[in-house]
Each structure stands twice: as C-alpha cells, then as structure tokens.
Amino acid sequence: MEGEIYTEVDASVLNPGISTMAMVSGDSEPPEGVTPVFIWIRWRYDDATGEGGFTGSGWYVGDSNNVLSEHYSTEEAFIKDLLANGKPWLDSLLQGWDESKKIMFFVNNQATLGAGNCFDAAVSGA
C-alpha cells in the first residue's frame, strides 16, 4: 500500500537540503510576494507485515513532530493497528496532523525523505 499527505509551506525557492525560514517557522500565511509551495510526504508499507513507513523503512513514531507519536509509543503498536485497520484508517489518522508539526517533521527529516524518494514539491498554481 502507498499514499501521500501534503502540506502547504511558504517558500520562494525549494531545493532539497535547503529549508526556508517560512518553512522553519511554520507560518501559515505566505509573506507578501512569496509563492506557496505544496509538499507531499509519501508513505508506503507492506500490507501483510506493516513494514515500511515514510521513507519505506520507518514510521518515525519517536519523532515528537509526527502525529503518530501522539497516539503510539512504539512502532510495533502502530503497525498492529495499521494491519488491523488499513489504509483508510491511516489516511484519517494522518489528516489530523498539525500543520506546523508536519512542516517541522519534514524539515528535520528532509535529507532522509529525499534519499528515499519520499517527498515531492510543487509551486501553487503550477
């Protein structure tokens, strides 16, 4: 199974490895003259074992900016529920992710997510 979640961040330029100040601040309104950028964080997992994650190799349950850490203390507990409830349940859980925490999760893990081809970005309106 695979899917993605997205968040809008304010950035005039987005390059792998470079975090803009607006992304770091989690500001929900773009500064004047700055184009919003949408970032998709992809996830994938084996629907028989639950193995996978945001990079295909981990769910980052220990990251305090991850919405999963609000509900689970271990990856094993999360995977148990994931296997029992499936993709629609995961989609619903990820929809509750606070935008500022999601941005910080992305910023903190951008290099790993990029190496795993687990994010994509597009300028708003492009």
N, C-alpha and C. Protein backbone atom coordinates (compact mmCIF):
# COMPACT_ATOMS: atom_id res chain seq x y z
N MET A 1 0.84 -1.17 0.00
CA MET A 1 0.00 0.00 0.00
C MET A 1 0.89 1.25 0.00
N GLU A 2 0.40 2.28 -0.63
CA GLU A 2 1.12 3.53 -0.58
C GLU A 2 0.15 4.68 -0.70
N GLY A 3 0.61 5.84 -0.34
CA GLY A 3 -0.21 7.04 -0.40
C GLY A 3 0.65 8.24 -0.09
N GLU A 4 0.01 9.37 0.11
CA GLU A 4 0.76 10.58 0.43
C GLU A 4 -0.14 11.55 1.17
N ILE A 5 0.50 12.42 1.93
CA ILE A 5 -0.17 13.52 2.58
C ILE A 5 0.51 14.78 2.10
N TYR A 6 -0.16 15.91 2.17
CA TYR A 6 0.51 17.12 1.72
C TYR A 6 0.34 18.23 2.73
N THR A 7 1.21 19.20 2.60
CA THR A 7 1.11 20.40 3.40
C THR A 7 1.56 21.56 2.55
N GLU A 8 1.00 22.73 2.78
CA GLU A 8 1.40 23.94 2.06
C GLU A 8 2.41 24.68 2.92
N VAL A 9 3.53 25.03 2.33
CA VAL A 9 4.53 25.82 3.04
C VAL A 9 4.83 27.05 2.21
N ASP A 10 5.36 28.07 2.86
CA ASP A 10 5.67 29.33 2.19
C ASP A 10 7.14 29.32 1.83
N ALA A 11 7.41 29.41 0.55
CA ALA A 11 8.80 29.40 0.12
C ALA A 11 8.91 30.04 -1.25
N SER A 12 9.93 30.84 -1.44
CA SER A 12 10.15 31.41 -2.76
C SER A 12 10.95 30.43 -3.61
N VAL A 13 11.77 29.62 -2.96
CA VAL A 13 12.56 28.60 -3.65
C VAL A 13 12.62 27.39 -2.75
N LEU A 14 12.46 26.21 -3.30
CA LEU A 14 12.57 24.99 -2.53
C LEU A 14 13.57 24.08 -3.22
N ASN A 15 14.67 23.81 -2.55
CA ASN A 15 15.69 22.91 -3.06
C ASN A 15 15.94 21.84 -2.02
N PRO A 16 16.18 20.59 -2.44
CA PRO A 16 16.50 19.57 -1.44
C PRO A 16 17.68 20.01 -0.58
N GLY A 17 17.52 19.88 0.71
CA GLY A 17 18.58 20.24 1.64
C GLY A 17 18.53 21.68 2.11
N ILE A 18 17.66 22.51 1.55
CA ILE A 18 17.57 23.91 1.97
C ILE A 18 16.20 24.14 2.57
N SER A 19 16.16 24.55 3.81
CA SER A 19 14.90 24.85 4.47
C SER A 19 14.75 26.36 4.56
N THR A 20 13.66 26.87 4.01
CA THR A 20 13.46 28.32 4.06
C THR A 20 13.00 28.73 5.45
N MET A 21 13.15 29.98 5.78
CA MET A 21 12.74 30.47 7.09
C MET A 21 11.25 30.29 7.31
N ALA A 22 10.44 30.48 6.27
CA ALA A 22 9.00 30.31 6.43
C ALA A 22 8.66 28.86 6.76
N MET A 23 9.39 27.92 6.16
CA MET A 23 9.14 26.52 6.47
C MET A 23 9.50 26.22 7.91
N VAL A 24 10.61 26.77 8.35
CA VAL A 24 11.06 26.52 9.72
C VAL A 24 10.10 27.12 10.73
N SER A 25 9.57 28.31 10.42
CA SER A 25 8.68 28.98 11.37
C SER A 25 7.30 28.34 11.41
N GLY A 26 6.93 27.64 10.32
CA GLY A 26 5.61 27.05 10.27
C GLY A 26 4.52 28.09 10.04
N ASP A 27 4.90 29.26 9.55
CA ASP A 27 3.96 30.35 9.29
C ASP A 27 2.89 29.88 8.31
N SER A 28 1.61 30.05 8.66
CA SER A 28 0.54 29.56 7.80
C SER A 28 0.17 30.52 6.69
N GLU A 29 0.61 31.75 6.75
CA GLU A 29 0.32 32.75 5.71
C GLU A 29 1.61 33.11 4.99
N PRO A 30 1.62 33.06 3.65
CA PRO A 30 2.85 33.40 2.94
C PRO A 30 3.15 34.89 3.05
N PRO A 31 4.42 35.23 3.20
CA PRO A 31 4.79 36.65 3.18
C PRO A 31 4.44 37.25 1.83
N GLU A 32 4.23 38.54 1.80
CA GLU A 32 3.87 39.21 0.55
C GLU A 32 4.91 38.93 -0.53
N GLY A 33 4.46 38.54 -1.70
CA GLY A 33 5.36 38.28 -2.82
C GLY A 33 5.98 36.90 -2.84
N VAL A 34 5.63 36.04 -1.87
CA VAL A 34 6.19 34.70 -1.81
C VAL A 34 5.13 33.70 -2.25
N THR A 35 5.52 32.79 -3.12
CA THR A 35 4.59 31.80 -3.66
C THR A 35 4.50 30.58 -2.74
N PRO A 36 3.27 30.17 -2.41
CA PRO A 36 3.14 28.94 -1.59
C PRO A 36 3.62 27.72 -2.37
N VAL A 37 4.22 26.78 -1.65
CA VAL A 37 4.70 25.53 -2.22
C VAL A 37 3.99 24.40 -1.49
N PHE A 38 3.50 23.43 -2.25
CA PHE A 38 2.88 22.26 -1.65
C PHE A 38 3.90 21.13 -1.62
N ILE A 39 4.01 20.48 -0.47
CA ILE A 39 4.93 19.36 -0.31
C ILE A 39 4.12 18.12 0.01
N TRP A 40 4.34 17.08 -0.75
CA TRP A 40 3.72 15.79 -0.48
C TRP A 40 4.75 14.90 0.19
N ILE A 41 4.38 14.33 1.33
CA ILE A 41 5.23 13.35 2.00
C ILE A 41 4.60 11.99 1.71
N ARG A 42 5.35 11.15 1.00
CA ARG A 42 4.82 9.85 0.61
C ARG A 42 5.12 8.80 1.68
N TRP A 43 4.24 7.83 1.77
CA TRP A 43 4.45 6.68 2.64
C TRP A 43 4.14 5.42 1.85
N ARG A 44 4.70 4.31 2.30
CA ARG A 44 4.39 3.02 1.70
C ARG A 44 4.65 1.94 2.74
N TYR A 45 3.87 0.87 2.64
CA TYR A 45 4.07 -0.23 3.57
C TYR A 45 3.59 -1.53 2.95
N ASP A 46 4.10 -2.63 3.48
CA ASP A 46 3.69 -3.96 3.08
C ASP A 46 2.41 -4.28 3.84
N ASP A 47 1.30 -4.51 3.11
CA ASP A 47 0.03 -4.70 3.81
C ASP A 47 -0.09 -6.07 4.47
N ALA A 48 0.91 -6.92 4.33
CA ALA A 48 0.93 -8.20 5.04
C ALA A 48 1.71 -8.10 6.35
N THR A 49 2.76 -7.26 6.36
CA THR A 49 3.62 -7.17 7.55
C THR A 49 3.58 -5.80 8.23
N GLY A 50 3.15 -4.76 7.51
CA GLY A 50 3.16 -3.40 8.06
C GLY A 50 4.51 -2.74 7.96
N GLU A 51 5.51 -3.45 7.45
CA GLU A 51 6.84 -2.86 7.33
C GLU A 51 6.82 -1.78 6.26
N GLY A 52 7.52 -0.71 6.53
CA GLY A 52 7.58 0.41 5.60
C GLY A 52 7.66 1.70 6.37
N GLY A 53 6.98 2.71 5.88
CA GLY A 53 6.96 3.98 6.57
C GLY A 53 7.06 5.14 5.62
N PHE A 54 7.43 6.29 6.16
CA PHE A 54 7.54 7.50 5.35
C PHE A 54 8.73 7.43 4.40
N THR A 55 9.75 6.69 4.77
CA THR A 55 10.88 6.51 3.87
C THR A 55 10.87 5.11 3.28
N GLY A 56 9.83 4.37 3.57
CA GLY A 56 9.78 2.97 3.18
C GLY A 56 10.50 2.10 4.19
N SER A 57 11.12 2.74 5.19
CA SER A 57 11.86 1.96 6.17
C SER A 57 11.64 2.41 7.61
N GLY A 58 10.64 3.25 7.85
CA GLY A 58 10.37 3.66 9.22
C GLY A 58 9.23 4.65 9.31
N TRP A 59 8.50 4.55 10.43
CA TRP A 59 7.34 5.43 10.64
C TRP A 59 7.65 6.61 11.56
N TYR A 60 8.85 6.70 12.11
CA TYR A 60 9.28 7.82 12.95
C TYR A 60 8.35 8.05 14.15
N VAL A 61 7.90 6.98 14.76
CA VAL A 61 6.99 7.11 15.90
C VAL A 61 7.65 7.88 17.04
N GLY A 62 8.96 7.83 17.16
CA GLY A 62 9.66 8.54 18.22
C GLY A 62 9.85 10.02 17.97
N ASP A 63 9.49 10.52 16.80
CA ASP A 63 9.64 11.95 16.47
C ASP A 63 8.44 12.71 17.03
N SER A 64 8.68 13.63 17.93
CA SER A 64 7.58 14.35 18.59
C SER A 64 6.77 15.21 17.63
N ASN A 65 7.30 15.50 16.44
CA ASN A 65 6.55 16.26 15.45
C ASN A 65 5.64 15.37 14.60
N ASN A 66 5.75 14.08 14.76
CA ASN A 66 4.96 13.12 13.99
C ASN A 66 3.63 12.88 14.70
N VAL A 67 2.53 12.99 13.98
CA VAL A 67 1.21 12.76 14.57
C VAL A 67 1.11 11.35 15.16
N LEU A 68 1.83 10.40 14.62
CA LEU A 68 1.77 9.03 15.14
C LEU A 68 2.29 8.96 16.58
N SER A 69 3.24 9.84 16.92
CA SER A 69 3.78 9.84 18.28
C SER A 69 2.76 10.31 19.31
N GLU A 70 1.70 10.98 18.86
CA GLU A 70 0.63 11.41 19.77
C GLU A 70 -0.26 10.25 20.17
N HIS A 71 -0.22 9.17 19.40
CA HIS A 71 -1.11 8.04 19.63
C HIS A 71 -0.38 6.75 20.01
N TYR A 72 0.91 6.67 19.69
CA TYR A 72 1.66 5.44 19.89
C TYR A 72 3.02 5.71 20.49
N SER A 73 3.43 4.82 21.41
CA SER A 73 4.77 4.94 21.98
C SER A 73 5.77 4.04 21.28
N THR A 74 5.27 3.06 20.52
CA THR A 74 6.17 2.17 19.79
C THR A 74 5.66 1.97 18.36
N GLU A 75 6.59 1.71 17.47
CA GLU A 75 6.23 1.42 16.09
C GLU A 75 5.45 0.10 15.99
N GLU A 76 5.78 -0.84 16.86
CA GLU A 76 5.09 -2.13 16.85
C GLU A 76 3.61 -1.97 17.14
N ALA A 77 3.26 -1.14 18.12
CA ALA A 77 1.84 -0.90 18.45
C ALA A 77 1.12 -0.23 17.28
N PHE A 78 1.79 0.72 16.64
CA PHE A 78 1.19 1.38 15.49
C PHE A 78 0.96 0.38 14.36
N ILE A 79 1.96 -0.44 14.05
CA ILE A 79 1.85 -1.42 12.96
C ILE A 79 0.71 -2.40 13.22
N LYS A 80 0.53 -2.81 14.47
CA LYS A 80 -0.56 -3.72 14.81
C LYS A 80 -1.91 -3.10 14.41
N ASP A 81 -2.12 -1.83 14.76
CA ASP A 81 -3.37 -1.15 14.39
C ASP A 81 -3.45 -0.91 12.89
N LEU A 82 -2.32 -0.60 12.26
CA LEU A 82 -2.30 -0.39 10.81
C LEU A 82 -2.76 -1.64 10.08
N LEU A 83 -2.24 -2.79 10.48
CA LEU A 83 -2.62 -4.05 9.82
C LEU A 83 -4.09 -4.39 10.08
N ALA A 84 -4.58 -4.05 11.26
CA ALA A 84 -5.98 -4.35 11.60
C ALA A 84 -6.95 -3.43 10.88
N ASN A 85 -6.54 -2.17 10.63
CA ASN A 85 -7.48 -1.16 10.13
C ASN A 85 -7.24 -0.68 8.71
N GLY A 86 -6.01 -0.79 8.20
CA GLY A 86 -5.72 -0.49 6.81
C GLY A 86 -5.59 0.97 6.42
N LYS A 87 -5.50 1.17 5.12
CA LYS A 87 -5.21 2.48 4.52
C LYS A 87 -6.23 3.57 4.87
N PRO A 88 -7.55 3.32 4.80
CA PRO A 88 -8.49 4.41 5.14
C PRO A 88 -8.28 4.94 6.56
N TRP A 89 -7.99 4.03 7.48
CA TRP A 89 -7.72 4.42 8.87
C TRP A 89 -6.45 5.28 8.95
N LEU A 90 -5.40 4.84 8.23
CA LEU A 90 -4.15 5.60 8.22
C LEU A 90 -4.37 6.99 7.62
N ASP A 91 -5.09 7.06 6.51
CA ASP A 91 -5.39 8.36 5.89
C ASP A 91 -6.08 9.28 6.89
N SER A 92 -7.05 8.76 7.61
CA SER A 92 -7.79 9.55 8.60
C SER A 92 -6.87 10.02 9.73
N LEU A 93 -6.01 9.14 10.20
CA LEU A 93 -5.07 9.49 11.26
C LEU A 93 -4.12 10.59 10.81
N LEU A 94 -3.61 10.49 9.60
CA LEU A 94 -2.66 11.48 9.09
C LEU A 94 -3.33 12.82 8.82
N GLN A 95 -4.63 12.84 8.53
CA GLN A 95 -5.34 14.09 8.31
C GLN A 95 -5.38 14.95 9.57
N GLY A 96 -5.21 14.34 10.73
CA GLY A 96 -5.21 15.08 11.98
C GLY A 96 -3.86 15.68 12.35
N TRP A 97 -2.88 15.61 11.45
CA TRP A 97 -1.53 16.08 11.71
C TRP A 97 -1.49 17.59 11.70
N ASP A 98 -1.11 18.20 12.79
CA ASP A 98 -0.97 19.65 12.90
C ASP A 98 0.01 20.16 11.85
N GLU A 99 -0.39 21.21 11.12
CA GLU A 99 0.43 21.71 10.00
C GLU A 99 1.83 22.12 10.45
N SER A 100 1.95 22.83 11.56
CA SER A 100 3.28 23.28 11.98
C SER A 100 4.17 22.11 12.37
N LYS A 101 3.59 21.09 13.00
CA LYS A 101 4.38 19.90 13.34
C LYS A 101 4.76 19.11 12.09
N LYS A 102 3.85 19.07 11.13
CA LYS A 102 4.13 18.36 9.88
C LYS A 102 5.29 19.03 9.15
N ILE A 103 5.30 20.36 9.14
CA ILE A 103 6.39 21.10 8.50
C ILE A 103 7.71 20.83 9.21
N MET A 104 7.69 20.85 10.55
CA MET A 104 8.93 20.58 11.28
C MET A 104 9.39 19.13 11.06
N PHE A 105 8.46 18.20 10.97
CA PHE A 105 8.82 16.81 10.67
C PHE A 105 9.53 16.76 9.32
N PHE A 106 8.97 17.45 8.34
CA PHE A 106 9.59 17.47 7.02
C PHE A 106 10.98 18.10 7.07
N VAL A 107 11.10 19.25 7.71
CA VAL A 107 12.38 19.96 7.78
C VAL A 107 13.43 19.08 8.47
N ASN A 108 13.05 18.47 9.59
CA ASN A 108 14.00 17.67 10.36
C ASN A 108 14.44 16.39 9.63
N ASN A 109 13.59 15.89 8.74
CA ASN A 109 13.87 14.61 8.08
C ASN A 109 14.01 14.74 6.57
N GLN A 110 14.19 15.95 6.08
CA GLN A 110 14.20 16.22 4.65
C GLN A 110 15.26 15.40 3.91
N ALA A 111 16.45 15.29 4.44
CA ALA A 111 17.52 14.55 3.75
C ALA A 111 17.17 13.08 3.61
N THR A 112 16.65 12.47 4.68
CA THR A 112 16.28 11.05 4.64
C THR A 112 15.08 10.83 3.73
N LEU A 113 14.09 11.71 3.81
CA LEU A 113 12.92 11.60 2.95
C LEU A 113 13.32 11.74 1.48
N GLY A 114 14.23 12.66 1.22
CA GLY A 114 14.71 12.85 -0.15
C GLY A 114 15.48 11.65 -0.66
N ALA A 115 16.32 11.08 0.19
CA ALA A 115 17.10 9.91 -0.21
C ALA A 115 16.20 8.72 -0.50
N GLY A 116 15.07 8.64 0.18
CA GLY A 116 14.12 7.55 -0.04
C GLY A 116 13.07 7.88 -1.08
N ASN A 117 13.25 9.04 -1.78
CA ASN A 117 12.30 9.49 -2.79
C ASN A 117 10.88 9.56 -2.19
N CYS A 118 10.79 10.09 -0.98
CA CYS A 118 9.52 10.11 -0.27
C CYS A 118 8.91 11.49 -0.13
N PHE A 119 9.35 12.46 -0.91
CA PHE A 119 8.62 13.70 -0.95
C PHE A 119 8.71 14.32 -2.33
N ASP A 120 7.74 15.16 -2.60
CA ASP A 120 7.68 15.88 -3.85
C ASP A 120 7.16 17.27 -3.54
N ALA A 121 7.53 18.23 -4.33
CA ALA A 121 7.08 19.61 -4.09
C ALA A 121 6.61 20.24 -5.39
N ALA A 122 5.61 21.10 -5.28
CA ALA A 122 5.08 21.82 -6.44
C ALA A 122 4.67 23.22 -6.02
N VAL A 123 4.95 24.19 -6.87
CA VAL A 123 4.54 25.57 -6.62
C VAL A 123 3.04 25.66 -6.82
N SER A 124 2.37 26.37 -5.92
CA SER A 124 0.92 26.54 -6.01
C SER A 124 0.54 27.14 -7.36
N GLY A 125 -0.45 26.54 -8.02
CA GLY A 125 -0.92 27.03 -9.30
C GLY A 125 -0.11 26.55 -10.47
N ALA A 126 0.97 25.80 -10.23
CA ALA A 126 1.81 25.32 -11.34
C ALA A 126 1.28 24.03 -11.90
